[in-house]
N, C-alpha and C. Protein backbone atom coordinates (compact mmCIF):
# COMPACT_ATOMS: atom_id res chain seq x y z
N UNK A 1 97.44 93.92 98.70
CA UNK A 1 98.84 93.54 98.68
C UNK A 1 98.95 92.12 98.18
N UNK A 2 100.05 91.81 97.54
CA UNK A 2 100.23 90.50 96.96
C UNK A 2 100.54 89.47 98.03
N UNK A 3 100.12 88.26 97.78
CA UNK A 3 100.42 87.12 98.64
C UNK A 3 99.90 87.29 100.07
N UNK A 4 98.78 87.98 100.24
CA UNK A 4 98.21 88.15 101.58
C UNK A 4 97.64 86.82 102.05
N UNK A 5 97.88 86.50 103.31
CA UNK A 5 97.39 85.25 103.88
C UNK A 5 96.72 85.55 105.20
N UNK A 6 95.43 85.28 105.30
CA UNK A 6 94.71 85.52 106.55
C UNK A 6 94.12 84.21 107.05
N UNK A 7 94.26 83.97 108.35
CA UNK A 7 93.60 82.81 108.94
C UNK A 7 92.10 83.00 108.89
N UNK A 8 91.38 81.95 108.59
CA UNK A 8 89.93 82.05 108.54
C UNK A 8 89.38 82.24 109.95
N UNK A 9 88.41 83.15 110.11
CA UNK A 9 87.85 83.34 111.45
C UNK A 9 87.09 82.11 111.90
N UNK A 10 87.18 81.83 113.19
CA UNK A 10 86.45 80.71 113.75
C UNK A 10 85.65 81.17 114.94
N UNK A 11 85.01 80.26 115.57
CA UNK A 11 84.25 80.62 116.77
C UNK A 11 84.40 79.52 117.79
N UNK A 12 84.30 79.89 119.04
CA UNK A 12 84.41 78.90 120.10
C UNK A 12 83.23 77.95 120.04
N UNK A 13 83.50 76.65 120.24
CA UNK A 13 82.42 75.67 120.18
C UNK A 13 81.67 75.59 121.49
N UNK A 14 82.23 76.19 122.56
CA UNK A 14 81.55 76.13 123.83
C UNK A 14 81.95 77.32 124.69
N UNK A 15 81.10 77.70 125.65
CA UNK A 15 81.47 78.80 126.56
C UNK A 15 82.74 78.48 127.34
N UNK A 16 82.97 77.19 127.66
CA UNK A 16 84.16 76.82 128.40
C UNK A 16 85.42 77.08 127.58
N UNK A 17 85.35 76.78 126.30
CA UNK A 17 86.49 77.04 125.42
C UNK A 17 86.78 78.54 125.34
N UNK A 18 85.73 79.34 125.25
CA UNK A 18 85.90 80.80 125.20
C UNK A 18 86.50 81.31 126.51
N UNK A 19 86.04 80.77 127.63
CA UNK A 19 86.55 81.18 128.93
C UNK A 19 88.03 80.85 129.07
N UNK A 20 88.43 79.67 128.58
CA UNK A 20 89.83 79.29 128.63
C UNK A 20 90.68 80.22 127.76
N UNK A 21 90.16 80.58 126.59
CA UNK A 21 90.89 81.51 125.72
C UNK A 21 91.08 82.86 126.40
N UNK A 22 90.04 83.33 127.06
CA UNK A 22 90.14 84.60 127.78
C UNK A 22 91.17 84.50 128.91
N UNK A 23 91.19 83.37 129.58
CA UNK A 23 92.16 83.17 130.66
C UNK A 23 93.58 83.19 130.16
N UNK A 24 93.83 82.54 129.01
CA UNK A 24 95.18 82.53 128.44
C UNK A 24 95.61 83.95 128.06
N UNK A 25 94.70 84.73 127.50
CA UNK A 25 95.05 86.09 127.13
C UNK A 25 95.32 86.94 128.37
N UNK A 26 94.55 86.74 129.43
CA UNK A 26 94.77 87.49 130.67
C UNK A 26 96.14 87.19 131.26
N UNK A 27 96.52 85.91 131.24
CA UNK A 27 97.84 85.52 131.75
C UNK A 27 98.95 86.14 130.89
N UNK A 28 98.74 86.13 129.58
CA UNK A 28 99.74 86.72 128.68
C UNK A 28 99.91 88.21 128.96
N UNK A 29 98.80 88.92 129.16
CA UNK A 29 98.88 90.34 129.47
C UNK A 29 99.60 90.58 130.80
N UNK A 30 99.35 89.72 131.77
CA UNK A 30 100.02 89.86 133.06
C UNK A 30 101.53 89.70 132.91
N UNK A 31 101.94 88.76 132.08
CA UNK A 31 103.38 88.56 131.86
C UNK A 31 103.99 89.77 131.14
N UNK A 32 103.24 90.35 130.24
CA UNK A 32 103.75 91.50 129.49
C UNK A 32 103.85 92.75 130.35
N UNK A 33 103.11 92.79 131.44
CA UNK A 33 103.09 94.00 132.28
C UNK A 33 104.48 94.41 132.73
N UNK A 34 105.34 93.43 132.99
CA UNK A 34 106.69 93.76 133.44
C UNK A 34 107.54 94.37 132.33
N UNK A 35 107.14 94.18 131.08
CA UNK A 35 107.92 94.70 129.96
C UNK A 35 107.44 96.08 129.50
N UNK A 36 106.21 96.45 129.87
CA UNK A 36 105.63 97.70 129.37
C UNK A 36 106.48 98.93 129.70
N UNK A 37 107.05 99.06 130.92
CA UNK A 37 107.83 100.27 131.20
C UNK A 37 109.13 100.38 130.41
N UNK A 38 109.56 99.31 129.77
CA UNK A 38 110.83 99.33 129.06
C UNK A 38 110.65 99.90 127.65
N UNK A 39 111.70 100.46 127.12
CA UNK A 39 111.70 100.99 125.75
C UNK A 39 110.58 102.00 125.53
N UNK A 40 110.53 103.00 126.38
CA UNK A 40 109.46 104.00 126.26
C UNK A 40 109.72 104.99 125.13
N UNK A 41 110.93 105.10 124.70
CA UNK A 41 111.25 106.01 123.60
C UNK A 41 111.39 105.28 122.29
N UNK A 42 112.26 105.80 121.45
CA UNK A 42 112.49 105.19 120.14
C UNK A 42 113.73 104.31 120.20
N UNK A 43 113.64 103.13 119.63
CA UNK A 43 114.78 102.22 119.53
C UNK A 43 115.23 102.23 118.07
N UNK A 44 116.44 102.70 117.81
CA UNK A 44 116.91 102.82 116.44
C UNK A 44 117.90 101.72 116.10
N UNK A 45 118.04 101.46 114.82
CA UNK A 45 118.97 100.43 114.35
C UNK A 45 120.31 101.09 114.05
N UNK A 46 120.96 101.60 115.09
CA UNK A 46 122.19 102.38 114.91
C UNK A 46 123.33 101.60 114.28
N UNK A 47 123.36 100.29 114.50
CA UNK A 47 124.49 99.50 114.01
C UNK A 47 124.24 98.92 112.62
N UNK A 48 123.09 99.20 112.04
CA UNK A 48 122.79 98.67 110.71
C UNK A 48 123.71 99.29 109.66
N UNK A 49 124.14 98.46 108.73
CA UNK A 49 125.00 98.90 107.63
C UNK A 49 124.36 98.54 106.30
N UNK A 50 124.91 99.06 105.22
CA UNK A 50 124.38 98.79 103.89
C UNK A 50 124.26 97.28 103.67
N UNK A 51 123.12 96.85 103.17
CA UNK A 51 122.89 95.44 102.89
C UNK A 51 122.32 94.64 104.04
N UNK A 52 122.22 95.24 105.23
CA UNK A 52 121.68 94.53 106.39
C UNK A 52 120.16 94.47 106.36
N UNK A 53 119.62 93.58 107.18
CA UNK A 53 118.17 93.51 107.38
C UNK A 53 117.81 94.24 108.66
N UNK A 54 116.76 95.07 108.58
CA UNK A 54 116.26 95.79 109.75
C UNK A 54 114.79 95.44 109.91
N UNK A 55 114.43 94.93 111.09
CA UNK A 55 113.05 94.58 111.39
C UNK A 55 112.48 95.66 112.31
N UNK A 56 111.43 96.33 111.85
CA UNK A 56 110.76 97.34 112.66
C UNK A 56 109.52 96.70 113.27
N UNK A 57 109.42 96.77 114.61
CA UNK A 57 108.29 96.16 115.31
C UNK A 57 107.43 97.24 115.94
N UNK A 58 106.13 97.20 115.66
CA UNK A 58 105.19 98.17 116.21
C UNK A 58 104.19 97.46 117.13
N UNK A 59 104.07 97.96 118.34
CA UNK A 59 103.19 97.36 119.35
C UNK A 59 101.73 97.73 119.12
N UNK A 60 100.86 97.16 119.93
CA UNK A 60 99.44 97.45 119.86
C UNK A 60 99.03 98.55 120.83
N UNK A 61 97.74 98.82 120.84
CA UNK A 61 97.16 99.88 121.68
C UNK A 61 97.37 99.57 123.16
N UNK A 62 97.63 100.61 123.95
CA UNK A 62 97.81 100.51 125.40
C UNK A 62 99.00 99.63 125.80
N UNK A 63 100.04 99.63 124.99
CA UNK A 63 101.28 98.93 125.32
C UNK A 63 102.44 99.89 125.06
N UNK A 64 103.65 99.38 125.05
CA UNK A 64 104.82 100.15 124.65
C UNK A 64 105.70 99.25 123.80
N UNK A 65 106.75 99.81 123.26
CA UNK A 65 107.70 99.01 122.48
C UNK A 65 108.33 97.93 123.34
N UNK A 66 108.29 98.11 124.66
CA UNK A 66 108.88 97.13 125.57
C UNK A 66 108.25 95.75 125.48
N UNK A 67 106.95 95.66 125.12
CA UNK A 67 106.31 94.34 125.09
C UNK A 67 106.87 93.47 123.96
N UNK A 68 107.49 94.09 122.97
CA UNK A 68 108.08 93.33 121.87
C UNK A 68 109.58 93.13 122.05
N UNK A 69 110.10 93.52 123.22
CA UNK A 69 111.53 93.36 123.48
C UNK A 69 112.00 91.90 123.35
N UNK A 70 111.28 90.90 123.91
CA UNK A 70 111.74 89.51 123.75
C UNK A 70 111.86 89.10 122.28
N UNK A 71 110.91 89.53 121.46
CA UNK A 71 110.96 89.21 120.04
C UNK A 71 112.14 89.92 119.38
N UNK A 72 112.35 91.18 119.74
CA UNK A 72 113.49 91.91 119.18
C UNK A 72 114.81 91.24 119.54
N UNK A 73 114.95 90.85 120.79
CA UNK A 73 116.20 90.22 121.23
C UNK A 73 116.44 88.89 120.52
N UNK A 74 115.36 88.15 120.29
CA UNK A 74 115.51 86.86 119.59
C UNK A 74 115.88 87.07 118.13
N UNK A 75 115.28 88.06 117.49
CA UNK A 75 115.62 88.35 116.10
C UNK A 75 117.08 88.77 115.97
N UNK A 76 117.53 89.59 116.89
CA UNK A 76 118.91 90.05 116.83
C UNK A 76 119.89 88.91 117.09
N UNK A 77 119.52 87.99 117.98
CA UNK A 77 120.42 86.89 118.34
C UNK A 77 120.43 85.76 117.32
N UNK A 78 119.29 85.49 116.69
CA UNK A 78 119.18 84.29 115.87
C UNK A 78 118.87 84.54 114.39
N UNK A 79 118.45 85.73 114.03
CA UNK A 79 118.09 85.98 112.63
C UNK A 79 119.07 86.91 111.93
N UNK A 80 120.15 87.26 112.63
CA UNK A 80 121.15 88.14 112.04
C UNK A 80 120.52 89.43 111.51
N UNK A 81 119.61 89.98 112.29
CA UNK A 81 118.90 91.20 111.88
C UNK A 81 119.04 92.27 112.96
N UNK A 82 118.94 93.51 112.54
CA UNK A 82 118.86 94.63 113.47
C UNK A 82 117.38 94.93 113.70
N UNK A 83 117.05 95.51 114.82
CA UNK A 83 115.65 95.83 115.09
C UNK A 83 115.50 97.29 115.49
N UNK A 84 114.30 97.79 115.30
CA UNK A 84 113.97 99.17 115.68
C UNK A 84 112.50 99.22 116.07
N UNK A 85 112.15 100.20 116.87
CA UNK A 85 110.75 100.34 117.29
C UNK A 85 110.56 101.73 117.90
N UNK A 86 109.32 102.06 118.19
CA UNK A 86 109.03 103.28 118.94
C UNK A 86 107.74 103.09 119.71
N UNK A 87 107.61 103.85 120.78
CA UNK A 87 106.41 103.79 121.62
C UNK A 87 105.49 104.94 121.24
N UNK A 88 104.21 104.65 121.15
CA UNK A 88 103.23 105.71 120.86
C UNK A 88 102.13 105.66 121.92
N UNK A 89 101.34 106.71 121.96
CA UNK A 89 100.26 106.79 122.94
C UNK A 89 98.91 106.78 122.21
N UNK A 90 97.82 106.38 122.90
CA UNK A 90 96.53 106.19 122.24
C UNK A 90 95.90 107.44 121.64
N UNK A 91 96.34 108.64 122.05
CA UNK A 91 95.65 109.83 121.53
C UNK A 91 96.06 110.17 120.11
N UNK A 92 96.95 109.38 119.51
CA UNK A 92 97.35 109.61 118.12
C UNK A 92 96.66 108.59 117.22
N UNK A 93 96.26 109.04 116.04
CA UNK A 93 95.59 108.16 115.10
C UNK A 93 96.54 107.46 114.16
N UNK A 94 96.00 106.59 113.32
CA UNK A 94 96.80 105.77 112.41
C UNK A 94 97.61 106.62 111.44
N UNK A 95 97.02 107.68 110.89
CA UNK A 95 97.76 108.50 109.93
C UNK A 95 98.96 109.17 110.58
N UNK A 96 98.78 109.75 111.76
CA UNK A 96 99.89 110.41 112.45
C UNK A 96 100.97 109.41 112.83
N UNK A 97 100.56 108.22 113.26
CA UNK A 97 101.54 107.21 113.66
C UNK A 97 102.29 106.65 112.47
N UNK A 98 101.65 106.59 111.31
CA UNK A 98 102.38 106.14 110.12
C UNK A 98 103.45 107.15 109.72
N UNK A 99 103.20 108.43 110.01
CA UNK A 99 104.24 109.44 109.76
C UNK A 99 105.43 109.22 110.69
N UNK A 100 105.17 108.85 111.95
CA UNK A 100 106.26 108.54 112.89
C UNK A 100 107.04 107.31 112.41
N UNK A 101 106.32 106.34 111.86
CA UNK A 101 107.00 105.17 111.30
C UNK A 101 107.92 105.60 110.16
N UNK A 102 107.43 106.48 109.30
CA UNK A 102 108.25 106.98 108.20
C UNK A 102 109.49 107.71 108.69
N UNK A 103 109.35 108.48 109.75
CA UNK A 103 110.49 109.20 110.31
C UNK A 103 111.55 108.22 110.83
N UNK A 104 111.10 107.12 111.43
CA UNK A 104 112.04 106.12 111.91
C UNK A 104 112.75 105.44 110.75
N UNK A 105 112.00 105.04 109.73
CA UNK A 105 112.59 104.38 108.56
C UNK A 105 113.59 105.31 107.88
N UNK A 106 113.33 106.60 107.88
CA UNK A 106 114.24 107.56 107.25
C UNK A 106 115.62 107.60 107.90
N UNK A 107 115.74 107.12 109.15
CA UNK A 107 117.03 107.13 109.83
C UNK A 107 117.92 105.96 109.41
N UNK A 108 117.39 104.99 108.64
CA UNK A 108 118.17 103.81 108.27
C UNK A 108 119.09 104.11 107.09
N UNK A 109 120.19 103.35 106.94
CA UNK A 109 121.04 103.50 105.76
C UNK A 109 120.25 103.28 104.47
N UNK A 110 120.78 103.78 103.38
CA UNK A 110 120.02 103.79 102.12
C UNK A 110 119.83 102.43 101.48
N UNK A 111 120.66 101.46 101.81
CA UNK A 111 120.54 100.16 101.15
C UNK A 111 120.33 99.01 102.13
N UNK A 112 119.50 99.21 103.12
CA UNK A 112 119.11 98.10 104.00
C UNK A 112 117.80 97.51 103.50
N UNK A 113 117.50 96.30 103.95
CA UNK A 113 116.22 95.66 103.67
C UNK A 113 115.35 95.79 104.91
N UNK A 114 114.20 96.43 104.76
CA UNK A 114 113.34 96.73 105.90
C UNK A 114 112.14 95.77 105.91
N UNK A 115 111.92 95.16 107.07
CA UNK A 115 110.78 94.27 107.29
C UNK A 115 109.91 94.94 108.34
N UNK A 116 108.66 95.22 108.03
CA UNK A 116 107.75 95.88 108.96
C UNK A 116 106.84 94.85 109.61
N UNK A 117 106.84 94.82 110.95
CA UNK A 117 106.04 93.85 111.69
C UNK A 117 105.18 94.61 112.69
N UNK A 118 103.88 94.44 112.63
CA UNK A 118 102.98 95.15 113.54
C UNK A 118 102.03 94.21 114.25
N UNK A 119 101.88 94.45 115.56
CA UNK A 119 100.91 93.68 116.34
C UNK A 119 99.68 94.54 116.57
N UNK A 120 98.49 93.99 116.34
CA UNK A 120 97.22 94.67 116.59
C UNK A 120 97.18 96.01 115.84
N UNK A 121 96.99 97.11 116.56
CA UNK A 121 96.95 98.42 115.90
C UNK A 121 98.24 98.69 115.13
N UNK A 122 99.37 98.16 115.64
CA UNK A 122 100.64 98.33 114.93
C UNK A 122 100.59 97.80 113.51
N UNK A 123 99.83 96.72 113.30
CA UNK A 123 99.68 96.18 111.95
C UNK A 123 98.89 97.10 111.04
N UNK A 124 97.88 97.76 111.60
CA UNK A 124 97.10 98.73 110.81
C UNK A 124 98.00 99.90 110.41
N UNK A 125 98.86 100.33 111.32
CA UNK A 125 99.80 101.42 111.00
C UNK A 125 100.74 101.00 109.88
N UNK A 126 101.26 99.77 109.96
CA UNK A 126 102.15 99.25 108.92
C UNK A 126 101.46 99.26 107.56
N UNK A 127 100.22 98.75 107.52
CA UNK A 127 99.49 98.71 106.25
C UNK A 127 99.21 100.11 105.72
N UNK A 128 98.87 101.04 106.62
CA UNK A 128 98.61 102.41 106.18
C UNK A 128 99.88 103.01 105.59
N UNK A 129 101.00 102.75 106.23
CA UNK A 129 102.28 103.29 105.76
C UNK A 129 102.58 102.86 104.33
N UNK A 130 102.39 101.58 104.01
CA UNK A 130 102.74 101.11 102.68
C UNK A 130 101.64 101.37 101.65
N UNK A 131 100.38 101.32 102.07
CA UNK A 131 99.29 101.47 101.11
C UNK A 131 98.89 102.92 100.87
N UNK A 132 98.85 103.72 101.90
CA UNK A 132 98.34 105.09 101.76
C UNK A 132 99.44 106.14 101.70
N UNK A 133 100.58 105.89 102.32
CA UNK A 133 101.68 106.85 102.30
C UNK A 133 102.73 106.51 101.25
N UNK A 134 102.57 105.38 100.59
CA UNK A 134 103.54 105.01 99.56
C UNK A 134 104.71 104.21 100.07
N UNK A 135 104.80 104.03 101.39
CA UNK A 135 105.86 103.21 101.96
C UNK A 135 107.25 103.75 101.71
N UNK A 136 108.17 102.84 101.48
CA UNK A 136 109.58 103.17 101.25
C UNK A 136 110.16 102.06 100.38
N UNK A 137 110.97 102.40 99.39
CA UNK A 137 111.49 101.35 98.50
C UNK A 137 112.35 100.31 99.19
N UNK A 138 112.81 100.61 100.40
CA UNK A 138 113.63 99.64 101.13
C UNK A 138 112.78 98.57 101.83
N UNK A 139 111.48 98.80 101.93
CA UNK A 139 110.61 97.82 102.58
C UNK A 139 110.45 96.61 101.65
N UNK A 140 110.79 95.42 102.17
CA UNK A 140 110.72 94.20 101.36
C UNK A 140 109.63 93.25 101.83
N UNK A 141 109.01 93.55 102.98
CA UNK A 141 108.01 92.62 103.52
C UNK A 141 107.24 93.30 104.64
N UNK A 142 105.95 92.94 104.76
CA UNK A 142 105.16 93.37 105.91
C UNK A 142 104.50 92.15 106.54
N UNK A 143 104.45 92.15 107.87
CA UNK A 143 103.81 91.08 108.62
C UNK A 143 102.93 91.73 109.68
N UNK A 144 101.70 91.27 109.80
CA UNK A 144 100.81 91.77 110.85
C UNK A 144 100.33 90.61 111.69
N UNK A 145 100.18 90.87 112.99
CA UNK A 145 99.78 89.82 113.93
C UNK A 145 98.55 90.29 114.71
N UNK A 146 97.45 89.60 114.55
CA UNK A 146 96.24 89.92 115.30
C UNK A 146 95.75 91.34 115.06
N UNK A 147 95.87 91.81 113.84
CA UNK A 147 95.46 93.19 113.53
C UNK A 147 93.99 93.25 113.12
N UNK A 148 93.23 94.21 113.65
CA UNK A 148 91.77 94.25 113.43
C UNK A 148 91.38 94.90 112.10
N UNK A 149 91.74 94.26 110.99
CA UNK A 149 91.45 94.85 109.69
C UNK A 149 89.96 94.86 109.35
N UNK A 150 89.18 94.02 110.01
CA UNK A 150 87.73 94.06 109.81
C UNK A 150 87.05 94.87 110.91
N UNK A 151 87.86 95.45 111.80
CA UNK A 151 87.32 96.30 112.85
C UNK A 151 87.22 95.61 114.19
N UNK A 152 87.25 96.40 115.23
CA UNK A 152 87.10 95.91 116.60
C UNK A 152 85.95 96.69 117.25
N UNK A 153 84.76 96.09 117.33
CA UNK A 153 83.60 96.81 117.87
C UNK A 153 83.82 97.40 119.25
N UNK A 154 84.61 96.73 120.09
CA UNK A 154 84.84 97.23 121.44
C UNK A 154 85.74 98.46 121.47
N UNK A 155 86.33 98.82 120.35
CA UNK A 155 87.19 100.00 120.31
C UNK A 155 86.41 101.28 120.54
N UNK A 156 85.09 101.22 120.44
CA UNK A 156 84.29 102.43 120.69
C UNK A 156 84.38 102.87 122.15
N UNK A 157 84.87 101.99 123.02
CA UNK A 157 85.04 102.35 124.41
C UNK A 157 86.45 102.87 124.71
N UNK A 158 87.29 102.90 123.68
CA UNK A 158 88.67 103.36 123.85
C UNK A 158 88.77 104.84 123.53
N UNK A 159 89.48 105.61 124.34
CA UNK A 159 89.59 107.04 124.08
C UNK A 159 90.56 107.34 122.93
N UNK A 160 90.33 108.46 122.28
CA UNK A 160 91.30 108.95 121.29
C UNK A 160 91.09 108.43 119.89
N UNK A 161 91.80 109.04 118.92
CA UNK A 161 91.67 108.68 117.50
C UNK A 161 92.04 107.25 117.19
N UNK A 162 93.00 106.67 117.92
CA UNK A 162 93.41 105.30 117.61
C UNK A 162 92.25 104.33 117.74
N UNK A 163 91.44 104.48 118.80
CA UNK A 163 90.27 103.63 118.96
C UNK A 163 89.27 103.83 117.84
N UNK A 164 89.04 105.09 117.46
CA UNK A 164 88.09 105.38 116.38
C UNK A 164 88.55 104.79 115.05
N UNK A 165 89.87 104.75 114.84
CA UNK A 165 90.41 104.26 113.57
C UNK A 165 90.25 102.76 113.38
N UNK A 166 89.97 102.02 114.45
CA UNK A 166 89.81 100.57 114.27
C UNK A 166 88.38 100.09 114.50
N UNK A 167 87.44 101.04 114.52
CA UNK A 167 86.04 100.65 114.54
C UNK A 167 85.67 100.04 113.19
N UNK A 168 84.73 99.10 113.14
CA UNK A 168 84.38 98.46 111.87
C UNK A 168 83.98 99.45 110.77
N UNK A 169 83.37 100.57 111.15
CA UNK A 169 82.92 101.54 110.15
C UNK A 169 83.92 102.65 109.88
N UNK A 170 85.15 102.54 110.37
CA UNK A 170 86.11 103.64 110.25
C UNK A 170 86.55 103.88 108.81
N UNK A 171 86.84 105.13 108.52
CA UNK A 171 87.35 105.52 107.20
C UNK A 171 88.71 104.87 106.95
N UNK A 172 89.52 104.76 107.99
CA UNK A 172 90.85 104.16 107.85
C UNK A 172 90.75 102.73 107.34
N UNK A 173 89.92 101.91 107.97
CA UNK A 173 89.81 100.51 107.56
C UNK A 173 89.16 100.38 106.18
N UNK A 174 88.21 101.26 105.88
CA UNK A 174 87.59 101.21 104.55
C UNK A 174 88.62 101.51 103.47
N UNK A 175 89.44 102.53 103.69
CA UNK A 175 90.45 102.89 102.68
C UNK A 175 91.50 101.79 102.53
N UNK A 176 91.89 101.16 103.63
CA UNK A 176 92.85 100.05 103.53
C UNK A 176 92.28 98.90 102.72
N UNK A 177 91.01 98.60 102.94
CA UNK A 177 90.37 97.52 102.19
C UNK A 177 90.30 97.86 100.71
N UNK A 178 89.99 99.11 100.38
CA UNK A 178 89.85 99.51 98.98
C UNK A 178 91.18 99.53 98.24
N UNK A 179 92.28 99.81 98.95
CA UNK A 179 93.58 99.95 98.29
C UNK A 179 94.50 98.77 98.54
N UNK A 180 93.94 97.62 98.94
CA UNK A 180 94.76 96.49 99.38
C UNK A 180 95.74 96.00 98.33
N UNK A 181 95.45 96.13 97.04
CA UNK A 181 96.33 95.59 96.00
C UNK A 181 97.27 96.63 95.40
N UNK A 182 97.24 97.87 95.89
CA UNK A 182 98.02 98.92 95.25
C UNK A 182 99.54 98.74 95.31
N UNK A 183 100.14 98.24 96.41
CA UNK A 183 101.60 98.19 96.45
C UNK A 183 102.24 97.17 95.52
N UNK A 184 101.49 96.38 94.78
CA UNK A 184 102.08 95.50 93.78
C UNK A 184 102.65 94.23 94.37
N UNK A 185 103.95 94.02 94.21
CA UNK A 185 104.56 92.75 94.55
C UNK A 185 105.08 92.66 95.98
N UNK A 186 104.81 93.62 96.82
CA UNK A 186 105.31 93.59 98.19
C UNK A 186 104.65 92.46 98.97
N UNK A 187 105.41 91.46 99.43
CA UNK A 187 104.80 90.34 100.16
C UNK A 187 104.22 90.79 101.50
N UNK A 188 103.06 90.24 101.84
CA UNK A 188 102.43 90.55 103.12
C UNK A 188 101.90 89.27 103.73
N UNK A 189 102.14 89.09 105.03
CA UNK A 189 101.60 87.96 105.77
C UNK A 189 100.78 88.50 106.93
N UNK A 190 99.53 88.08 107.02
CA UNK A 190 98.65 88.49 108.11
C UNK A 190 98.35 87.26 108.96
N UNK A 191 98.75 87.31 110.24
CA UNK A 191 98.53 86.20 111.17
C UNK A 191 97.39 86.55 112.08
N UNK A 192 96.36 85.73 112.12
CA UNK A 192 95.19 86.02 112.95
C UNK A 192 94.77 84.76 113.69
N UNK A 193 94.30 84.95 114.92
CA UNK A 193 93.81 83.84 115.73
C UNK A 193 92.37 83.53 115.36
N UNK A 194 91.99 82.27 115.52
CA UNK A 194 90.60 81.89 115.24
C UNK A 194 89.65 82.52 116.24
N UNK A 195 90.09 82.68 117.50
CA UNK A 195 89.25 83.25 118.54
C UNK A 195 89.98 84.45 119.15
N UNK A 196 89.54 85.64 118.79
CA UNK A 196 90.13 86.86 119.37
C UNK A 196 89.08 87.47 120.28
N UNK A 197 89.17 87.16 121.56
CA UNK A 197 88.12 87.59 122.48
C UNK A 197 88.22 89.06 122.84
N UNK A 198 89.37 89.68 122.63
CA UNK A 198 89.51 91.10 122.94
C UNK A 198 88.96 91.97 121.84
N UNK A 199 89.27 91.62 120.58
CA UNK A 199 88.75 92.41 119.47
C UNK A 199 87.25 92.22 119.33
N UNK A 200 86.78 91.07 119.69
CA UNK A 200 85.35 90.81 119.57
C UNK A 200 84.92 90.59 118.15
N UNK A 201 85.91 90.29 117.27
CA UNK A 201 85.59 90.11 115.86
C UNK A 201 85.38 88.64 115.55
């Protein structure tokens, strides 16, 4: 994809720094726990009209659309955008979930501008949708946050196709890497942390 930007991977300079990073992530997950039961179904952009911006947010593995509710609310309040999302379960793989993404996008008006934003596995789904399924002409931008495009070795302990799809040796990740430039001029931004202790990458 054009204009891809990835943070360079780094490593912790000390065990104490790594421990602190793990602690911050644990606290963040604890805060998100209260949001997980919310938005268990599909959130559609019902009020979107021709010419509007619609931001679709996809959550990561073992979460729900509820964890991105604060971001959705802020986008709607301050970015003059509509938002949409859906909750998925781990037993579905990237290909099947990209079809669900397509079904959601199909519900939007014909002349909206669609921005796809995915966190973790959600970012892999977004990339699969535009690179392997052909995307949608209304998509004007993709953004991924902490997505394991080089693989997550610890995913081998996760049940279901979704975990298998983000292993370093997975066919899904290999195909995404091989077809990265196919969509042409579609802007893509990939945001990655220097120390991702959960992915183990």
